[in-house]
Amino acid sequence: MSFITRRALSTLIPPKVASPTGLGAAQDAARMQRVVSFYEKLPRGAAPEIKPKGLLGRYQAKHFGKNPTGTPIIHAIVFLVAVGYAQNYYFHLRNYPWPSFSEELYLLTVFTRTPQEQRSLKKGLGIRIMEAC
């Protein structure tokens, strides 16, 4: 019989199986010997801690075990934000590609310049005009 099975059976059988009057009876002696031998085989002391197996078991042991932490709440929030962004990207954002770096710079200059300011010449263009003269 395995250790776990014996430990499980120990909770099913009450500690007071026989009365003191039935201990000395000859007809019950064999039966009592079986009960005594059964109790002798049972493990004593506290049950050993079971080591967690698998990814979820280790996560539960770490965050919900003896010293519970609040990080599962943060993990759940991050997970929901990631799932929400993935859904937004799939259903909406994939139709609008990210602008390149030059487009971002152009948009920054367009929206930060006042309407009265003129566009500045590109650096290379002014040099070519001077060389042609």
N, C-alpha and C. Protein backbone atom coordinates (compact mmCIF):
# COMPACT_ATOMS: atom_id res chain seq x y z
N MET A 1 0.85 -1.16 0.00
CA MET A 1 0.00 0.00 0.00
C MET A 1 0.90 1.23 0.00
N SER A 2 0.60 2.19 -0.83
CA SER A 2 1.45 3.36 -0.95
C SER A 2 1.26 4.29 0.25
N PHE A 3 2.21 5.19 0.38
CA PHE A 3 2.19 6.14 1.49
C PHE A 3 0.96 7.04 1.44
N ILE A 4 0.61 7.49 0.26
CA ILE A 4 -0.54 8.39 0.11
C ILE A 4 -1.83 7.66 0.43
N THR A 5 -1.95 6.41 0.00
CA THR A 5 -3.17 5.64 0.28
C THR A 5 -3.31 5.40 1.78
N ARG A 6 -2.21 5.07 2.44
CA ARG A 6 -2.28 4.86 3.89
C ARG A 6 -2.65 6.15 4.61
N ARG A 7 -2.11 7.27 4.13
CA ARG A 7 -2.43 8.56 4.75
C ARG A 7 -3.91 8.89 4.54
N ALA A 8 -4.44 8.57 3.38
CA ALA A 8 -5.85 8.84 3.10
C ALA A 8 -6.76 7.95 3.94
N LEU A 9 -6.38 6.69 4.12
CA LEU A 9 -7.21 5.78 4.92
C LEU A 9 -7.18 6.14 6.40
N SER A 10 -6.13 6.79 6.85
CA SER A 10 -6.04 7.13 8.27
C SER A 10 -7.11 8.14 8.67
N THR A 11 -7.58 8.93 7.74
CA THR A 11 -8.62 9.89 8.07
C THR A 11 -10.00 9.26 8.08
N LEU A 12 -10.16 8.08 7.47
CA LEU A 12 -11.47 7.43 7.41
C LEU A 12 -11.79 6.61 8.66
N ILE A 13 -10.78 6.08 9.32
CA ILE A 13 -11.00 5.19 10.46
C ILE A 13 -10.83 5.99 11.74
N PRO A 14 -11.82 5.98 12.61
CA PRO A 14 -11.71 6.75 13.84
C PRO A 14 -10.66 6.14 14.77
N PRO A 15 -10.08 6.92 15.67
CA PRO A 15 -9.03 6.40 16.54
C PRO A 15 -9.53 5.40 17.58
N LYS A 16 -10.77 5.48 18.00
CA LYS A 16 -11.33 4.56 19.00
C LYS A 16 -12.16 3.50 18.29
N VAL A 17 -11.52 2.44 17.83
CA VAL A 17 -12.23 1.39 17.12
C VAL A 17 -12.79 0.35 18.09
N ALA A 18 -12.02 -0.01 19.09
CA ALA A 18 -12.43 -1.09 20.01
C ALA A 18 -12.66 -0.52 21.40
N SER A 19 -13.57 -1.14 22.10
CA SER A 19 -13.81 -0.74 23.49
C SER A 19 -12.83 -1.50 24.40
N PRO A 20 -12.54 -1.00 25.58
CA PRO A 20 -11.60 -1.69 26.47
C PRO A 20 -12.09 -3.08 26.88
N THR A 21 -13.39 -3.32 26.91
CA THR A 21 -13.89 -4.64 27.31
C THR A 21 -13.63 -5.69 26.24
N GLY A 22 -13.58 -5.29 25.00
CA GLY A 22 -13.39 -6.25 23.92
C GLY A 22 -11.94 -6.58 23.66
N LEU A 23 -11.01 -5.91 24.33
CA LEU A 23 -9.59 -6.16 24.07
C LEU A 23 -9.14 -7.55 24.52
N GLY A 24 -9.65 -8.01 25.64
CA GLY A 24 -9.19 -9.29 26.18
C GLY A 24 -9.99 -10.47 25.69
N ALA A 25 -11.02 -10.27 24.94
CA ALA A 25 -11.87 -11.38 24.50
C ALA A 25 -11.12 -12.23 23.49
N ALA A 26 -11.26 -13.55 23.61
CA ALA A 26 -10.53 -14.47 22.75
C ALA A 26 -11.06 -14.45 21.32
N GLN A 27 -12.38 -14.32 21.15
CA GLN A 27 -12.93 -14.35 19.79
C GLN A 27 -12.56 -13.09 19.01
N ASP A 28 -12.32 -12.00 19.70
CA ASP A 28 -11.99 -10.76 19.01
C ASP A 28 -10.48 -10.51 18.94
N ALA A 29 -9.68 -11.40 19.47
CA ALA A 29 -8.23 -11.16 19.54
C ALA A 29 -7.62 -11.07 18.14
N ALA A 30 -8.02 -11.93 17.24
CA ALA A 30 -7.47 -11.90 15.88
C ALA A 30 -7.90 -10.63 15.15
N ARG A 31 -9.14 -10.26 15.35
CA ARG A 31 -9.63 -9.04 14.71
C ARG A 31 -8.90 -7.83 15.26
N MET A 32 -8.70 -7.80 16.58
CA MET A 32 -7.99 -6.68 17.18
C MET A 32 -6.53 -6.64 16.73
N GLN A 33 -5.94 -7.79 16.52
CA GLN A 33 -4.56 -7.83 16.04
C GLN A 33 -4.46 -7.23 14.64
N ARG A 34 -5.46 -7.48 13.82
CA ARG A 34 -5.47 -6.87 12.48
C ARG A 34 -5.61 -5.36 12.57
N VAL A 35 -6.46 -4.89 13.49
CA VAL A 35 -6.64 -3.45 13.66
C VAL A 35 -5.34 -2.82 14.17
N VAL A 36 -4.70 -3.47 15.13
CA VAL A 36 -3.46 -2.94 15.69
C VAL A 36 -2.37 -2.92 14.62
N SER A 37 -2.26 -3.98 13.84
CA SER A 37 -1.24 -4.01 12.80
C SER A 37 -1.52 -2.96 11.72
N PHE A 38 -2.81 -2.72 11.46
CA PHE A 38 -3.16 -1.66 10.51
C PHE A 38 -2.70 -0.30 11.02
N TYR A 39 -2.96 -0.03 12.30
CA TYR A 39 -2.57 1.25 12.87
C TYR A 39 -1.05 1.38 12.97
N GLU A 40 -0.34 0.28 13.14
CA GLU A 40 1.11 0.35 13.20
C GLU A 40 1.71 0.72 11.85
N LYS A 41 1.05 0.35 10.79
CA LYS A 41 1.56 0.65 9.45
C LYS A 41 1.31 2.09 9.02
N LEU A 42 0.38 2.76 9.68
CA LEU A 42 0.05 4.13 9.30
C LEU A 42 1.22 5.06 9.61
N PRO A 43 1.46 6.06 8.76
CA PRO A 43 2.55 7.00 9.02
C PRO A 43 2.21 7.92 10.19
N ARG A 44 3.25 8.34 10.88
CA ARG A 44 3.06 9.24 12.03
C ARG A 44 3.59 10.61 11.68
N GLY A 45 3.06 11.60 12.37
CA GLY A 45 3.54 12.97 12.18
C GLY A 45 2.76 13.69 11.09
N ALA A 46 3.26 14.87 10.81
CA ALA A 46 2.61 15.71 9.80
C ALA A 46 2.89 15.16 8.40
N ALA A 47 1.95 15.37 7.54
CA ALA A 47 2.12 14.92 6.15
C ALA A 47 3.18 15.78 5.47
N PRO A 48 4.04 15.18 4.65
CA PRO A 48 5.06 15.98 3.96
C PRO A 48 4.41 16.90 2.92
N GLU A 49 5.06 18.05 2.71
CA GLU A 49 4.52 19.00 1.74
C GLU A 49 4.72 18.46 0.33
N ILE A 50 3.70 18.61 -0.47
CA ILE A 50 3.74 18.16 -1.85
C ILE A 50 4.34 19.27 -2.69
N LYS A 51 5.37 18.95 -3.46
CA LYS A 51 5.99 19.96 -4.31
C LYS A 51 5.10 20.20 -5.53
N PRO A 52 4.91 21.47 -5.89
CA PRO A 52 4.05 21.76 -7.03
C PRO A 52 4.69 21.31 -8.34
N LYS A 53 3.84 20.86 -9.24
CA LYS A 53 4.29 20.41 -10.56
C LYS A 53 3.62 21.26 -11.62
N GLY A 54 4.33 21.52 -12.66
CA GLY A 54 3.78 22.27 -13.78
C GLY A 54 3.87 23.76 -13.57
N LEU A 55 3.61 24.50 -14.62
CA LEU A 55 3.72 25.95 -14.60
C LEU A 55 2.67 26.58 -13.69
N LEU A 56 1.42 26.16 -13.81
CA LEU A 56 0.35 26.72 -12.99
C LEU A 56 0.53 26.37 -11.52
N GLY A 57 0.96 25.16 -11.22
CA GLY A 57 1.17 24.75 -9.84
C GLY A 57 2.27 25.56 -9.17
N ARG A 58 3.38 25.79 -9.89
CA ARG A 58 4.45 26.61 -9.31
C ARG A 58 4.01 28.05 -9.12
N TYR A 59 3.22 28.57 -10.08
CA TYR A 59 2.72 29.94 -9.95
C TYR A 59 1.80 30.07 -8.73
N GLN A 60 0.92 29.11 -8.54
CA GLN A 60 0.02 29.14 -7.38
C GLN A 60 0.80 29.01 -6.09
N ALA A 61 1.81 28.15 -6.06
CA ALA A 61 2.60 27.98 -4.84
C ALA A 61 3.37 29.25 -4.52
N LYS A 62 3.83 29.95 -5.53
CA LYS A 62 4.61 31.16 -5.31
C LYS A 62 3.75 32.33 -4.86
N HIS A 63 2.60 32.53 -5.50
CA HIS A 63 1.81 33.72 -5.24
C HIS A 63 0.61 33.50 -4.33
N PHE A 64 0.14 32.27 -4.16
CA PHE A 64 -1.02 32.00 -3.32
C PHE A 64 -0.70 31.09 -2.14
N GLY A 65 0.56 30.71 -1.98
CA GLY A 65 0.95 29.75 -0.95
C GLY A 65 1.01 30.37 0.44
N LYS A 66 2.13 30.13 1.13
CA LYS A 66 2.27 30.59 2.51
C LYS A 66 2.34 32.11 2.60
N ASN A 67 3.00 32.74 1.65
CA ASN A 67 3.13 34.20 1.63
C ASN A 67 2.43 34.75 0.39
N PRO A 68 1.12 34.94 0.44
CA PRO A 68 0.41 35.42 -0.75
C PRO A 68 0.81 36.86 -1.08
N THR A 69 0.87 37.16 -2.37
CA THR A 69 1.24 38.50 -2.83
C THR A 69 0.13 39.07 -3.70
N GLY A 70 0.28 40.34 -4.03
CA GLY A 70 -0.71 41.02 -4.87
C GLY A 70 -0.35 41.02 -6.33
N THR A 71 0.74 40.37 -6.70
CA THR A 71 1.15 40.40 -8.11
C THR A 71 0.19 39.70 -9.06
N PRO A 72 -0.61 38.71 -8.65
CA PRO A 72 -1.56 38.15 -9.63
C PRO A 72 -2.56 39.19 -10.14
N ILE A 73 -2.89 40.17 -9.32
CA ILE A 73 -3.80 41.23 -9.77
C ILE A 73 -3.12 42.04 -10.87
N ILE A 74 -1.84 42.38 -10.66
CA ILE A 74 -1.09 43.12 -11.67
C ILE A 74 -0.94 42.29 -12.94
N HIS A 75 -0.67 41.00 -12.78
CA HIS A 75 -0.55 40.12 -13.95
C HIS A 75 -1.87 40.07 -14.72
N ALA A 76 -2.98 40.02 -14.01
CA ALA A 76 -4.29 39.98 -14.67
C ALA A 76 -4.55 41.27 -15.44
N ILE A 77 -4.19 42.42 -14.84
CA ILE A 77 -4.40 43.71 -15.52
C ILE A 77 -3.55 43.79 -16.78
N VAL A 78 -2.27 43.39 -16.67
CA VAL A 78 -1.38 43.42 -17.84
C VAL A 78 -1.90 42.48 -18.92
N PHE A 79 -2.38 41.31 -18.52
CA PHE A 79 -2.92 40.35 -19.49
C PHE A 79 -4.14 40.93 -20.21
N LEU A 80 -5.05 41.56 -19.46
CA LEU A 80 -6.25 42.13 -20.08
C LEU A 80 -5.90 43.29 -21.01
N VAL A 81 -4.92 44.11 -20.64
CA VAL A 81 -4.49 45.21 -21.51
C VAL A 81 -3.89 44.65 -22.80
N ALA A 82 -3.08 43.61 -22.67
CA ALA A 82 -2.46 43.01 -23.86
C ALA A 82 -3.51 42.39 -24.77
N VAL A 83 -4.49 41.70 -24.20
CA VAL A 83 -5.56 41.11 -25.01
C VAL A 83 -6.39 42.21 -25.67
N GLY A 84 -6.68 43.28 -24.94
CA GLY A 84 -7.43 44.39 -25.51
C GLY A 84 -6.70 45.05 -26.66
N TYR A 85 -5.38 45.26 -26.49
CA TYR A 85 -4.61 45.85 -27.58
C TYR A 85 -4.57 44.92 -28.79
N ALA A 86 -4.43 43.64 -28.54
CA ALA A 86 -4.39 42.69 -29.66
C ALA A 86 -5.71 42.72 -30.42
N GLN A 87 -6.81 42.82 -29.71
CA GLN A 87 -8.11 42.89 -30.39
C GLN A 87 -8.25 44.20 -31.16
N ASN A 88 -7.82 45.31 -30.56
CA ASN A 88 -7.87 46.59 -31.27
C ASN A 88 -7.02 46.54 -32.52
N TYR A 89 -5.84 45.95 -32.41
CA TYR A 89 -4.97 45.87 -33.57
C TYR A 89 -5.61 45.02 -34.66
N TYR A 90 -6.15 43.89 -34.28
CA TYR A 90 -6.71 42.98 -35.28
C TYR A 90 -7.93 43.59 -35.97
N PHE A 91 -8.81 44.23 -35.22
CA PHE A 91 -10.06 44.72 -35.80
C PHE A 91 -9.98 46.15 -36.32
N HIS A 92 -8.94 46.93 -35.93
CA HIS A 92 -8.94 48.33 -36.33
C HIS A 92 -7.56 48.82 -36.75
N LEU A 93 -6.56 48.66 -35.90
CA LEU A 93 -5.28 49.31 -36.11
C LEU A 93 -4.46 48.73 -37.25
N ARG A 94 -4.73 47.51 -37.66
CA ARG A 94 -3.94 46.92 -38.74
C ARG A 94 -4.19 47.61 -40.07
N ASN A 95 -5.29 48.35 -40.19
CA ASN A 95 -5.58 49.07 -41.42
C ASN A 95 -4.80 50.38 -41.52
N TYR A 96 -4.19 50.82 -40.43
CA TYR A 96 -3.45 52.07 -40.40
C TYR A 96 -2.01 51.76 -39.98
N PRO A 97 -1.11 51.59 -40.94
CA PRO A 97 0.26 51.21 -40.59
C PRO A 97 0.97 52.35 -39.85
N TRP A 98 1.98 51.98 -39.09
CA TRP A 98 2.76 52.97 -38.35
C TRP A 98 3.49 53.87 -39.33
N PRO A 99 3.55 55.19 -39.07
CA PRO A 99 4.30 56.08 -39.96
C PRO A 99 5.80 55.85 -39.78
N SER A 100 6.54 56.11 -40.86
CA SER A 100 7.99 55.97 -40.77
C SER A 100 8.56 57.15 -39.99
N PHE A 101 9.84 57.10 -39.72
CA PHE A 101 10.47 58.15 -38.91
C PHE A 101 10.44 59.49 -39.64
N SER A 102 10.65 59.49 -40.97
CA SER A 102 10.63 60.75 -41.72
C SER A 102 9.23 61.34 -41.73
N GLU A 103 8.21 60.51 -41.81
CA GLU A 103 6.83 61.01 -41.77
C GLU A 103 6.52 61.63 -40.42
N GLU A 104 7.04 61.02 -39.36
CA GLU A 104 6.81 61.58 -38.03
C GLU A 104 7.48 62.94 -37.90
N LEU A 105 8.70 63.07 -38.42
CA LEU A 105 9.38 64.37 -38.36
C LEU A 105 8.62 65.41 -39.17
N TYR A 106 8.11 65.03 -40.34
CA TYR A 106 7.34 65.96 -41.16
C TYR A 106 6.09 66.41 -40.41
N LEU A 107 5.40 65.47 -39.78
CA LEU A 107 4.20 65.83 -39.03
C LEU A 107 4.53 66.75 -37.86
N LEU A 108 5.67 66.52 -37.23
CA LEU A 108 6.07 67.40 -36.13
C LEU A 108 6.34 68.81 -36.62
N THR A 109 6.99 68.95 -37.77
CA THR A 109 7.29 70.29 -38.27
C THR A 109 6.04 70.97 -38.79
N VAL A 110 5.12 70.22 -39.37
CA VAL A 110 3.89 70.83 -39.90
C VAL A 110 3.04 71.38 -38.76
N PHE A 111 2.92 70.62 -37.68
CA PHE A 111 2.01 71.04 -36.62
C PHE A 111 2.66 71.97 -35.60
N THR A 112 3.97 72.14 -35.65
CA THR A 112 4.61 73.06 -34.70
C THR A 112 4.95 74.39 -35.35
N ARG A 113 4.87 74.51 -36.66
CA ARG A 113 5.19 75.76 -37.36
C ARG A 113 3.94 76.63 -37.44
N THR A 114 4.12 77.92 -37.28
CA THR A 114 2.98 78.83 -37.42
C THR A 114 2.67 79.00 -38.90
N PRO A 115 1.45 79.37 -39.24
CA PRO A 115 1.09 79.48 -40.66
C PRO A 115 1.88 80.56 -41.40
N GLN A 116 2.40 81.59 -40.72
CA GLN A 116 3.11 82.67 -41.38
C GLN A 116 4.54 82.28 -41.75
N GLU A 117 5.10 81.28 -41.09
CA GLU A 117 6.48 80.90 -41.36
C GLU A 117 6.57 80.20 -42.71
N GLN A 118 7.68 80.46 -43.40
CA GLN A 118 7.90 79.78 -44.67
C GLN A 118 8.66 78.49 -44.42
N ARG A 119 8.52 77.61 -45.36
CA ARG A 119 9.26 76.37 -45.26
C ARG A 119 10.74 76.65 -45.51
N SER A 120 11.57 75.99 -44.73
CA SER A 120 13.01 76.17 -44.93
C SER A 120 13.47 75.32 -46.10
N LEU A 121 14.49 75.80 -46.79
CA LEU A 121 15.04 75.05 -47.91
C LEU A 121 15.83 73.87 -47.39
N LYS A 122 15.86 72.83 -48.18
CA LYS A 122 16.68 71.70 -47.81
C LYS A 122 18.14 72.11 -47.95
N LYS A 123 18.99 71.57 -47.13
CA LYS A 123 20.40 71.98 -47.11
C LYS A 123 21.08 71.72 -48.45
N GLY A 124 20.89 70.60 -49.01
CA GLY A 124 21.57 70.26 -50.26
C GLY A 124 21.12 71.11 -51.43
N LEU A 125 19.90 71.57 -51.42
CA LEU A 125 19.35 72.34 -52.54
C LEU A 125 20.03 73.69 -52.67
N GLY A 126 20.30 74.37 -51.57
CA GLY A 126 20.95 75.69 -51.62
C GLY A 126 22.37 75.60 -52.13
N ILE A 127 23.08 74.57 -51.80
CA ILE A 127 24.47 74.42 -52.25
C ILE A 127 24.51 74.17 -53.75
N ARG A 128 23.62 73.40 -54.28
CA ARG A 128 23.61 73.10 -55.71
C ARG A 128 23.30 74.36 -56.53
N ILE A 129 22.46 75.22 -56.02
CA ILE A 129 22.13 76.46 -56.74
C ILE A 129 23.36 77.36 -56.81
N MET A 130 24.11 77.45 -55.74
CA MET A 130 25.30 78.30 -55.71
C MET A 130 26.38 77.77 -56.65
N GLU A 131 26.54 76.48 -56.76
CA GLU A 131 27.57 75.91 -57.62
C GLU A 131 27.21 76.10 -59.09
N ALA A 132 25.96 76.13 -59.41
CA ALA A 132 25.55 76.28 -60.80
C ALA A 132 25.85 77.68 -61.32
N CYS A 133 25.91 78.70 -60.50
CA CYS A 133 26.13 80.08 -60.94
C CYS A 133 27.52 80.35 -61.25
